[in-house]
PDB file of all heavy atoms in Angstrom:
ATOM      1  N   ILE A   1     -19.339  75.811  17.782  1.00  0.00           N
ATOM      2  CA  ILE A   1     -18.651  76.742  18.661  1.00  0.00           C
ATOM      3  C   ILE A   1     -18.778  78.184  18.192  1.00  0.00           C
ATOM      4  O   ILE A   1     -18.359  79.105  18.874  1.00  0.00           O
ATOM      5  CB  ILE A   1     -17.167  76.359  18.804  1.00  0.00           C
ATOM      6  CG1 ILE A   1     -16.490  76.221  17.439  1.00  0.00           C
ATOM      7  CG2 ILE A   1     -17.007  75.092  19.594  1.00  0.00           C
ATOM      8  CD1 ILE A   1     -16.068  77.484  16.825  1.00  0.00           C
ATOM      9  N   LEU A   2     -19.362  78.417  17.030  1.00  0.00           N
ATOM     10  CA  LEU A   2     -19.424  79.777  16.515  1.00  0.00           C
ATOM     11  C   LEU A   2     -20.256  80.699  17.383  1.00  0.00           C
ATOM     12  O   LEU A   2     -20.109  81.916  17.346  1.00  0.00           O
ATOM     13  CB  LEU A   2     -19.999  79.764  15.088  1.00  0.00           C
ATOM     14  CG  LEU A   2     -19.065  79.174  14.037  1.00  0.00           C
ATOM     15  CD1 LEU A   2     -19.772  79.114  12.697  1.00  0.00           C
ATOM     16  CD2 LEU A   2     -17.788  79.967  13.919  1.00  0.00           C
ATOM     17  N   SER A   3     -21.158  80.144  18.192  1.00  0.00           N
ATOM     18  CA  SER A   3     -22.006  80.983  19.023  1.00  0.00           C
ATOM     19  C   SER A   3     -21.392  81.292  20.383  1.00  0.00           C
ATOM     20  O   SER A   3     -21.995  81.986  21.192  1.00  0.00           O
ATOM     21  CB  SER A   3     -23.366  80.303  19.237  1.00  0.00           C
ATOM     22  OG  SER A   3     -23.178  79.081  19.916  1.00  0.00           O
ATOM     23  N   VAL A   4     -20.202  80.794  20.644  1.00  0.00           N
ATOM     24  CA  VAL A   4     -19.570  81.040  21.937  1.00  0.00           C
ATOM     25  C   VAL A   4     -19.188  82.509  22.040  1.00  0.00           C
ATOM     26  O   VAL A   4     -18.524  83.036  21.170  1.00  0.00           O
ATOM     27  CB  VAL A   4     -18.304  80.159  22.093  1.00  0.00           C
ATOM     28  CG1 VAL A   4     -17.591  80.501  23.402  1.00  0.00           C
ATOM     29  CG2 VAL A   4     -18.695  78.697  22.086  1.00  0.00           C
ATOM     30  N   LEU A   5     -19.597  83.157  23.112  1.00  0.00           N
ATOM     31  CA  LEU A   5     -19.349  84.587  23.264  1.00  0.00           C
ATOM     32  C   LEU A   5     -18.361  84.900  24.371  1.00  0.00           C
ATOM     33  O   LEU A   5     -18.058  86.055  24.615  1.00  0.00           O
ATOM     34  CB  LEU A   5     -20.669  85.319  23.533  1.00  0.00           C
ATOM     35  CG  LEU A   5     -21.694  85.203  22.422  1.00  0.00           C
ATOM     36  CD1 LEU A   5     -22.973  85.933  22.818  1.00  0.00           C
ATOM     37  CD2 LEU A   5     -21.156  85.763  21.127  1.00  0.00           C
ATOM     38  N   GLY A   6     -17.839  83.942  25.049  1.00  0.00           N
ATOM     39  CA  GLY A   6     -16.846  84.193  26.102  1.00  0.00           C
ATOM     40  C   GLY A   6     -16.352  82.875  26.628  1.00  0.00           C
ATOM     41  O   GLY A   6     -16.588  81.818  26.042  1.00  0.00           O
ATOM     42  N   ILE A   7     -15.653  82.940  27.750  1.00  0.00           N
ATOM     43  CA  ILE A   7     -15.144  81.715  28.352  1.00  0.00           C
ATOM     44  C   ILE A   7     -16.284  81.011  29.059  1.00  0.00           C
ATOM     45  O   ILE A   7     -17.034  81.610  29.797  1.00  0.00           O
ATOM     46  CB  ILE A   7     -14.048  82.031  29.381  1.00  0.00           C
ATOM     47  CG1 ILE A   7     -12.967  82.877  28.731  1.00  0.00           C
ATOM     48  CG2 ILE A   7     -13.451  80.786  29.964  1.00  0.00           C
ATOM     49  CD1 ILE A   7     -11.920  83.322  29.705  1.00  0.00           C
ATOM     50  N   ALA A   8     -16.396  79.717  28.849  1.00  0.00           N
ATOM     51  CA  ALA A   8     -17.427  78.941  29.534  1.00  0.00           C
ATOM     52  C   ALA A   8     -16.783  77.696  30.102  1.00  0.00           C
ATOM     53  O   ALA A   8     -16.484  76.767  29.380  1.00  0.00           O
ATOM     54  CB  ALA A   8     -18.552  78.568  28.570  1.00  0.00           C
ATOM     55  N   LEU A   9     -16.559  77.700  31.385  1.00  0.00           N
ATOM     56  CA  LEU A   9     -16.048  76.510  32.045  1.00  0.00           C
ATOM     57  C   LEU A   9     -17.256  75.726  32.551  1.00  0.00           C
ATOM     58  O   LEU A   9     -17.968  76.172  33.444  1.00  0.00           O
ATOM     59  CB  LEU A   9     -15.130  76.892  33.211  1.00  0.00           C
ATOM     60  CG  LEU A   9     -13.830  77.572  32.808  1.00  0.00           C
ATOM     61  CD1 LEU A   9     -13.024  77.911  34.048  1.00  0.00           C
ATOM     62  CD2 LEU A   9     -13.031  76.673  31.888  1.00  0.00           C
ATOM     63  N   LEU A  10     -17.486  74.609  31.945  1.00  0.00           N
ATOM     64  CA  LEU A  10     -18.697  73.846  32.218  1.00  0.00           C
ATOM     65  C   LEU A  10     -18.385  72.693  33.162  1.00  0.00           C
ATOM     66  O   LEU A  10     -17.408  71.971  32.976  1.00  0.00           O
ATOM     67  CB  LEU A  10     -19.266  73.273  30.912  1.00  0.00           C
ATOM     68  CG  LEU A  10     -19.469  74.306  29.794  1.00  0.00           C
ATOM     69  CD1 LEU A  10     -20.025  73.609  28.571  1.00  0.00           C
ATOM     70  CD2 LEU A  10     -20.419  75.406  30.243  1.00  0.00           C
ATOM     71  N   PHE A  11     -19.215  72.530  34.169  1.00  0.00           N
ATOM     72  CA  PHE A  11     -19.042  71.439  35.092  1.00  0.00           C
ATOM     73  C   PHE A  11     -20.311  70.590  35.078  1.00  0.00           C
ATOM     74  O   PHE A  11     -21.422  71.112  35.198  1.00  0.00           O
ATOM     75  CB  PHE A  11     -18.795  71.966  36.510  1.00  0.00           C
ATOM     76  CG  PHE A  11     -17.529  72.747  36.616  1.00  0.00           C
ATOM     77  CD1 PHE A  11     -17.539  74.124  36.414  1.00  0.00           C
ATOM     78  CD2 PHE A  11     -16.331  72.110  36.883  1.00  0.00           C
ATOM     79  CE1 PHE A  11     -16.363  74.853  36.493  1.00  0.00           C
ATOM     80  CE2 PHE A  11     -15.158  72.832  36.973  1.00  0.00           C
ATOM     81  CZ  PHE A  11     -15.175  74.197  36.780  1.00  0.00           C
ATOM     82  N   MET A  12     -20.128  69.291  34.898  1.00  0.00           N
ATOM     83  CA  MET A  12     -21.272  68.381  34.829  1.00  0.00           C
ATOM     84  C   MET A  12     -21.302  67.528  36.084  1.00  0.00           C
ATOM     85  O   MET A  12     -20.281  67.075  36.584  1.00  0.00           O
ATOM     86  CB  MET A  12     -21.152  67.480  33.604  1.00  0.00           C
ATOM     87  CG  MET A  12     -21.143  68.261  32.289  1.00  0.00           C
ATOM     88  SD  MET A  12     -21.002  67.158  30.882  1.00  0.00           S
ATOM     89  CE  MET A  12     -22.563  66.313  31.022  1.00  0.00           C
ATOM     90  N   SER A  13     -22.497  67.315  36.616  1.00  0.00           N
ATOM     91  CA  SER A  13     -22.644  66.457  37.793  1.00  0.00           C
ATOM     92  C   SER A  13     -23.626  65.345  37.474  1.00  0.00           C
ATOM     93  O   SER A  13     -24.508  65.496  36.642  1.00  0.00           O
ATOM     94  CB  SER A  13     -23.141  67.272  38.983  1.00  0.00           C
ATOM     95  OG  SER A  13     -24.392  67.846  38.707  1.00  0.00           O
ATOM     96  N   CYS A  14     -23.419  64.251  38.126  1.00  0.00           N
ATOM     97  CA  CYS A  14     -24.287  63.095  37.885  1.00  0.00           C
ATOM     98  C   CYS A  14     -24.978  62.710  39.178  1.00  0.00           C
ATOM     99  O   CYS A  14     -24.605  63.138  40.267  1.00  0.00           O
ATOM    100  CB  CYS A  14     -23.464  61.908  37.385  1.00  0.00           C
ATOM    101  SG  CYS A  14     -22.597  62.261  35.833  1.00  0.00           S
ATOM    102  N   GLY A  15     -25.971  61.857  39.037  1.00  0.00           N
ATOM    103  CA  GLY A  15     -26.638  61.336  40.217  1.00  0.00           C
ATOM    104  C   GLY A  15     -25.764  60.296  40.896  1.00  0.00           C
ATOM    105  O   GLY A  15     -24.605  60.112  40.572  1.00  0.00           O
ATOM    106  N   ASN A  16     -26.335  59.585  41.827  1.00  0.00           N
ATOM    107  CA  ASN A  16     -25.604  58.565  42.562  1.00  0.00           C
ATOM    108  C   ASN A  16     -25.209  57.454  41.610  1.00  0.00           C
ATOM    109  O   ASN A  16     -26.031  56.731  41.072  1.00  0.00           O
ATOM    110  CB  ASN A  16     -26.493  58.012  43.682  1.00  0.00           C
ATOM    111  CG  ASN A  16     -25.714  57.087  44.589  1.00  0.00           C
ATOM    112  OD1 ASN A  16     -25.031  56.185  44.129  1.00  0.00           O
ATOM    113  ND2 ASN A  16     -25.851  57.318  45.897  1.00  0.00           N
ATOM    114  N   ASP A  17     -23.880  57.286  41.374  1.00  0.00           N
ATOM    115  CA  ASP A  17     -23.418  56.283  40.429  1.00  0.00           C
ATOM    116  C   ASP A  17     -23.766  54.873  40.881  1.00  0.00           C
ATOM    117  O   ASP A  17     -24.022  53.985  40.072  1.00  0.00           O
ATOM    118  CB  ASP A  17     -21.901  56.408  40.247  1.00  0.00           C
ATOM    119  CG  ASP A  17     -21.525  57.664  39.477  1.00  0.00           C
ATOM    120  OD1 ASP A  17     -22.428  58.231  38.836  1.00  0.00           O
ATOM    121  OD2 ASP A  17     -20.344  58.053  39.506  1.00  0.00           O
ATOM    122  N   ASP A  18     -23.763  54.645  42.227  1.00  0.00           N
ATOM    123  CA  ASP A  18     -24.080  53.310  42.709  1.00  0.00           C
ATOM    124  C   ASP A  18     -25.500  52.929  42.350  1.00  0.00           C
ATOM    125  O   ASP A  18     -25.779  51.790  41.966  1.00  0.00           O
ATOM    126  CB  ASP A  18     -23.894  53.245  44.226  1.00  0.00           C
ATOM    127  CG  ASP A  18     -22.419  53.386  44.611  1.00  0.00           C
ATOM    128  OD1 ASP A  18     -21.571  53.043  43.765  1.00  0.00           O
ATOM    129  OD2 ASP A  18     -22.144  53.840  45.744  1.00  0.00           O
ATOM    130  N   GLU A  19     -26.432  53.903  42.460  1.00  0.00           N
ATOM    131  CA  GLU A  19     -27.829  53.625  42.155  1.00  0.00           C
ATOM    132  C   GLU A  19     -28.007  53.274  40.686  1.00  0.00           C
ATOM    133  O   GLU A  19     -28.853  52.482  40.312  1.00  0.00           O
ATOM    134  CB  GLU A  19     -28.690  54.832  42.509  1.00  0.00           C
ATOM    135  CG  GLU A  19     -28.782  55.108  44.014  1.00  0.00           C
ATOM    136  CD  GLU A  19     -29.632  56.332  44.303  1.00  0.00           C
ATOM    137  OE1 GLU A  19     -30.152  56.908  43.324  1.00  0.00           O
ATOM    138  OE2 GLU A  19     -29.791  56.699  45.477  1.00  0.00           O
ATOM    139  N   ASN A  20     -27.192  53.903  39.812  1.00  0.00           N
ATOM    140  CA  ASN A  20     -27.330  53.675  38.384  1.00  0.00           C
ATOM    141  C   ASN A  20     -26.339  52.643  37.858  1.00  0.00           C
ATOM    142  O   ASN A  20     -26.247  52.421  36.654  1.00  0.00           O
ATOM    143  CB  ASN A  20     -27.120  54.992  37.636  1.00  0.00           C
ATOM    144  CG  ASN A  20     -28.178  56.019  37.981  1.00  0.00           C
ATOM    145  OD1 ASN A  20     -29.349  55.831  37.694  1.00  0.00           O
ATOM    146  ND2 ASN A  20     -27.766  57.120  38.601  1.00  0.00           N
ATOM    147  N   ASN A  21     -25.562  52.030  38.783  1.00  0.00           N
ATOM    148  CA  ASN A  21     -24.567  51.044  38.379  1.00  0.00           C
ATOM    149  C   ASN A  21     -23.578  51.598  37.369  1.00  0.00           C
ATOM    150  O   ASN A  21     -23.171  50.922  36.430  1.00  0.00           O
ATOM    151  CB  ASN A  21     -25.255  49.794  37.809  1.00  0.00           C
ATOM    152  CG  ASN A  21     -26.091  49.074  38.846  1.00  0.00           C
ATOM    153  OD1 ASN A  21     -25.660  48.916  39.988  1.00  0.00           O
ATOM    154  ND2 ASN A  21     -27.287  48.660  38.459  1.00  0.00           N
ATOM    155  N   ILE A  22     -23.250  52.866  37.551  1.00  0.00           N
ATOM    156  CA  ILE A  22     -22.283  53.513  36.676  1.00  0.00           C
ATOM    157  C   ILE A  22     -21.012  53.763  37.467  1.00  0.00           C
ATOM    158  O   ILE A  22     -21.056  54.323  38.559  1.00  0.00           O
ATOM    159  CB  ILE A  22     -22.826  54.847  36.130  1.00  0.00           C
ATOM    160  CG1 ILE A  22     -24.064  54.582  35.264  1.00  0.00           C
ATOM    161  CG2 ILE A  22     -21.762  55.576  35.324  1.00  0.00           C
ATOM    162  CD1 ILE A  22     -24.752  55.855  34.799  1.00  0.00           C
ATOM    163  N   GLN A  23     -19.889  53.352  36.910  1.00  0.00           N
ATOM    164  CA  GLN A  23     -18.613  53.575  37.565  1.00  0.00           C
ATOM    165  C   GLN A  23     -17.912  54.749  36.882  1.00  0.00           C
ATOM    166  O   GLN A  23     -17.676  54.710  35.670  1.00  0.00           O
ATOM    167  CB  GLN A  23     -17.738  52.332  37.494  1.00  0.00           C
ATOM    168  CG  GLN A  23     -16.397  52.493  38.217  1.00  0.00           C
ATOM    169  CD  GLN A  23     -15.577  51.223  38.192  1.00  0.00           C
ATOM    170  OE1 GLN A  23     -16.003  50.233  37.625  1.00  0.00           O
ATOM    171  NE2 GLN A  23     -14.411  51.253  38.816  1.00  0.00           N
ATOM    172  N   ALA A  24     -17.606  55.794  37.654  1.00  0.00           N
ATOM    173  CA  ALA A  24     -16.944  56.963  37.093  1.00  0.00           C
ATOM    174  C   ALA A  24     -15.514  56.613  36.708  1.00  0.00           C
ATOM    175  O   ALA A  24     -14.799  55.935  37.448  1.00  0.00           O
ATOM    176  CB  ALA A  24     -16.944  58.105  38.108  1.00  0.00           C
ATOM    177  N   VAL A  25     -15.107  57.044  35.536  1.00  0.00           N
ATOM    178  CA  VAL A  25     -13.747  56.828  35.060  1.00  0.00           C
ATOM    179  C   VAL A  25     -13.036  58.172  35.051  1.00  0.00           C
ATOM    180  O   VAL A  25     -13.416  59.074  34.302  1.00  0.00           O
ATOM    181  CB  VAL A  25     -13.730  56.224  33.640  1.00  0.00           C
ATOM    182  CG1 VAL A  25     -12.293  56.045  33.159  1.00  0.00           C
ATOM    183  CG2 VAL A  25     -14.478  54.900  33.625  1.00  0.00           C
ATOM    184  N   PRO A  26     -12.033  58.345  35.882  1.00  0.00           N
ATOM    185  CA  PRO A  26     -11.361  59.647  35.949  1.00  0.00           C
ATOM    186  C   PRO A  26     -10.612  59.930  34.653  1.00  0.00           C
ATOM    187  O   PRO A  26     -10.142  59.003  33.980  1.00  0.00           O
ATOM    188  CB  PRO A  26     -10.406  59.501  37.131  1.00  0.00           C
ATOM    189  CG  PRO A  26     -10.155  58.023  37.240  1.00  0.00           C
ATOM    190  CD  PRO A  26     -11.442  57.377  36.828  1.00  0.00           C
ATOM    191  N   PRO A  27     -10.503  61.208  34.286  1.00  0.00           N
ATOM    192  CA  PRO A  27      -9.742  61.559  33.082  1.00  0.00           C
ATOM    193  C   PRO A  27      -8.287  61.111  33.215  1.00  0.00           C
ATOM    194  O   PRO A  27      -7.717  61.094  34.316  1.00  0.00           O
ATOM    195  CB  PRO A  27      -9.840  63.088  33.038  1.00  0.00           C
ATOM    196  CG  PRO A  27     -11.017  63.432  33.881  1.00  0.00           C
ATOM    197  CD  PRO A  27     -11.080  62.378  34.949  1.00  0.00           C
ATOM    198  N   ARG A  28      -7.700  60.748  32.105  1.00  0.00           N
ATOM    199  CA  ARG A  28      -6.294  60.374  32.094  1.00  0.00           C
ATOM    200  C   ARG A  28      -5.426  61.629  32.145  1.00  0.00           C
ATOM    201  O   ARG A  28      -5.912  62.750  31.965  1.00  0.00           O
ATOM    202  CB  ARG A  28      -5.993  59.558  30.844  1.00  0.00           C
ATOM    203  CG  ARG A  28      -6.777  58.242  30.764  1.00  0.00           C
ATOM    204  CD  ARG A  28      -6.504  57.521  29.459  1.00  0.00           C
ATOM    205  NE  ARG A  28      -5.101  57.118  29.383  1.00  0.00           N
ATOM    206  CZ  ARG A  28      -4.532  56.666  28.262  1.00  0.00           C
ATOM    207  NH1 ARG A  28      -5.240  56.592  27.133  1.00  0.00           N
ATOM    208  NH2 ARG A  28      -3.268  56.299  28.254  1.00  0.00           N
ATOM    209  N   LEU A  29      -4.148  61.452  32.369  1.00  0.00           N
ATOM    210  CA  LEU A  29      -3.222  62.564  32.428  1.00  0.00           C
ATOM    211  C   LEU A  29      -2.788  62.982  31.035  1.00  0.00           C
ATOM    212  O   LEU A  29      -2.611  62.149  30.135  1.00  0.00           O
ATOM    213  CB  LEU A  29      -1.983  62.188  33.251  1.00  0.00           C
ATOM    214  CG  LEU A  29      -2.188  61.892  34.737  1.00  0.00           C
ATOM    215  CD1 LEU A  29      -0.879  61.407  35.347  1.00  0.00           C
ATOM    216  CD2 LEU A  29      -2.693  63.124  35.475  1.00  0.00           C
ATOM    217  N   LEU A  30      -2.615  64.277  30.838  1.00  0.00           N
ATOM    218  CA  LEU A  30      -2.071  64.774  29.580  1.00  0.00           C
ATOM    219  C   LEU A  30      -0.727  64.123  29.276  1.00  0.00           C
ATOM    220  O   LEU A  30      -0.448  63.730  28.126  1.00  0.00           O
ATOM    221  CB  LEU A  30      -1.901  66.294  29.652  1.00  0.00           C
ATOM    222  CG  LEU A  30      -3.160  67.150  29.589  1.00  0.00           C
ATOM    223  CD1 LEU A  30      -2.849  68.568  30.052  1.00  0.00           C
ATOM    224  CD2 LEU A  30      -3.729  67.180  28.177  1.00  0.00           C
ATOM    225  N   SER A  31       0.123  64.016  30.287  1.00  0.00           N
ATOM    226  CA  SER A  31       1.467  63.472  30.101  1.00  0.00           C
ATOM    227  C   SER A  31       1.454  61.980  29.784  1.00  0.00           C
ATOM    228  O   SER A  31       2.440  61.431  29.284  1.00  0.00           O
ATOM    229  CB  SER A  31       2.314  63.723  31.353  1.00  0.00           C
ATOM    230  OG  SER A  31       1.698  63.181  32.510  1.00  0.00           O
ATOM    231  N   GLU A  32       0.353  61.312  30.070  1.00  0.00           N
ATOM    232  CA  GLU A  32       0.203  59.895  29.753  1.00  0.00           C
ATOM    233  C   GLU A  32      -0.321  59.693  28.335  1.00  0.00           C
ATOM    234  O   GLU A  32       0.142  58.808  27.599  1.00  0.00           O
ATOM    235  CB  GLU A  32      -0.761  59.260  30.753  1.00  0.00           C
ATOM    236  CG  GLU A  32      -1.048  57.794  30.521  1.00  0.00           C
ATOM    237  CD  GLU A  32      -2.087  57.266  31.488  1.00  0.00           C
ATOM    238  OE1 GLU A  32      -3.239  57.768  31.477  1.00  0.00           O
ATOM    239  OE2 GLU A  32      -1.744  56.348  32.248  1.00  0.00           O
ATOM    240  N   VAL A  33      -1.268  60.545  27.933  1.00  0.00           N
ATOM    241  CA  VAL A  33      -1.904  60.392  26.623  1.00  0.00           C
ATOM    242  C   VAL A  33      -1.019  60.940  25.504  1.00  0.00           C
ATOM    243  O   VAL A  33      -0.973  60.376  24.399  1.00  0.00           O
ATOM    244  CB  VAL A  33      -3.272  61.108  26.613  1.00  0.00           C
ATOM    245  CG1 VAL A  33      -3.892  61.071  25.224  1.00  0.00           C
ATOM    246  CG2 VAL A  33      -4.201  60.454  27.635  1.00  0.00           C
ATOM    247  N   GLU A  34      -0.273  62.001  25.779  1.00  0.00           N
ATOM    248  CA  GLU A  34       0.501  62.658  24.723  1.00  0.00           C
ATOM    249  C   GLU A  34       1.465  61.708  24.009  1.00  0.00           C
ATOM    250  O   GLU A  34       1.510  61.683  22.768  1.00  0.00           O
ATOM    251  CB  GLU A  34       1.242  63.870  25.304  1.00  0.00           C
ATOM    252  CG  GLU A  34       1.959  64.719  24.263  1.00  0.00           C
ATOM    253  CD  GLU A  34       3.300  64.171  23.833  1.00  0.00           C
ATOM    254  OE1 GLU A  34       3.966  63.478  24.637  1.00  0.00           O
ATOM    255  OE2 GLU A  34       3.694  64.406  22.669  1.00  0.00           O
ATOM    256  N   PRO A  35       2.269  60.882  24.718  1.00  0.00           N
ATOM    257  CA  PRO A  35       3.166  59.970  24.001  1.00  0.00           C
ATOM    258  C   PRO A  35       2.424  58.961  23.126  1.00  0.00           C
ATOM    259  O   PRO A  35       2.895  58.594  22.040  1.00  0.00           O
ATOM    260  CB  PRO A  35       3.936  59.266  25.126  1.00  0.00           C
ATOM    261  CG  PRO A  35       3.827  60.167  26.302  1.00  0.00           C
ATOM    262  CD  PRO A  35       2.478  60.812  26.184  1.00  0.00           C
ATOM    263  N   GLU A  36       1.266  58.507  23.601  1.00  0.00           N
ATOM    264  CA  GLU A  36       0.480  57.572  22.801  1.00  0.00           C
ATOM    265  C   GLU A  36      -0.007  58.239  21.517  1.00  0.00           C
ATOM    266  O   GLU A  36       0.069  57.659  20.425  1.00  0.00           O
ATOM    267  CB  GLU A  36      -0.708  57.067  23.610  1.00  0.00           C
ATOM    268  CG  GLU A  36      -0.327  56.272  24.848  1.00  0.00           C
ATOM    269  CD  GLU A  36      -1.529  55.898  25.689  1.00  0.00           C
ATOM    270  OE1 GLU A  36      -2.674  56.207  25.263  1.00  0.00           O
ATOM    271  OE2 GLU A  36      -1.350  55.292  26.762  1.00  0.00           O
ATOM    272  N   ASN A  37      -0.541  59.457  21.650  1.00  0.00           N
ATOM    273  CA  ASN A  37      -1.012  60.193  20.476  1.00  0.00           C
ATOM    274  C   ASN A  37       0.134  60.468  19.510  1.00  0.00           C
ATOM    275  O   ASN A  37      -0.019  60.373  18.286  1.00  0.00           O
ATOM    276  CB  ASN A  37      -1.645  61.511  20.899  1.00  0.00           C
ATOM    277  CG  ASN A  37      -3.057  61.378  21.421  1.00  0.00           C
ATOM    278  OD1 ASN A  37      -3.666  62.349  21.852  1.00  0.00           O
ATOM    279  ND2 ASN A  37      -3.612  60.169  21.411  1.00  0.00           N
ATOM    280  N   ARG A  38       1.292  60.835  20.067  1.00  0.00           N
ATOM    281  CA  ARG A  38       2.445  61.137  19.214  1.00  0.00           C
ATOM    282  C   ARG A  38       2.830  59.912  18.380  1.00  0.00           C
ATOM    283  O   ARG A  38       3.102  60.014  17.175  1.00  0.00           O
ATOM    284  CB  ARG A  38       3.628  61.601  20.064  1.00  0.00           C
ATOM    285  CG  ARG A  38       4.819  62.026  19.240  1.00  0.00           C
ATOM    286  CD  ARG A  38       5.987  62.561  20.054  1.00  0.00           C
ATOM    287  NE  ARG A  38       5.746  62.681  21.463  1.00  0.00           N
ATOM    288  CZ  ARG A  38       6.436  62.028  22.384  1.00  0.00           C
ATOM    289  NH1 ARG A  38       7.361  61.155  22.028  1.00  0.00           N
ATOM    290  NH2 ARG A  38       6.197  62.243  23.674  1.00  0.00           N
TER     291      ARG A  38
END
């Protein structure tokens, strides 16, 4: 991260998940993960 020179909001896109037999898993909620981490 030392080379980061500003804000970079990165968005990644994938091809057709059905064609690649990949099932997208949505990110979990912060409020759901925080108690587990704690």
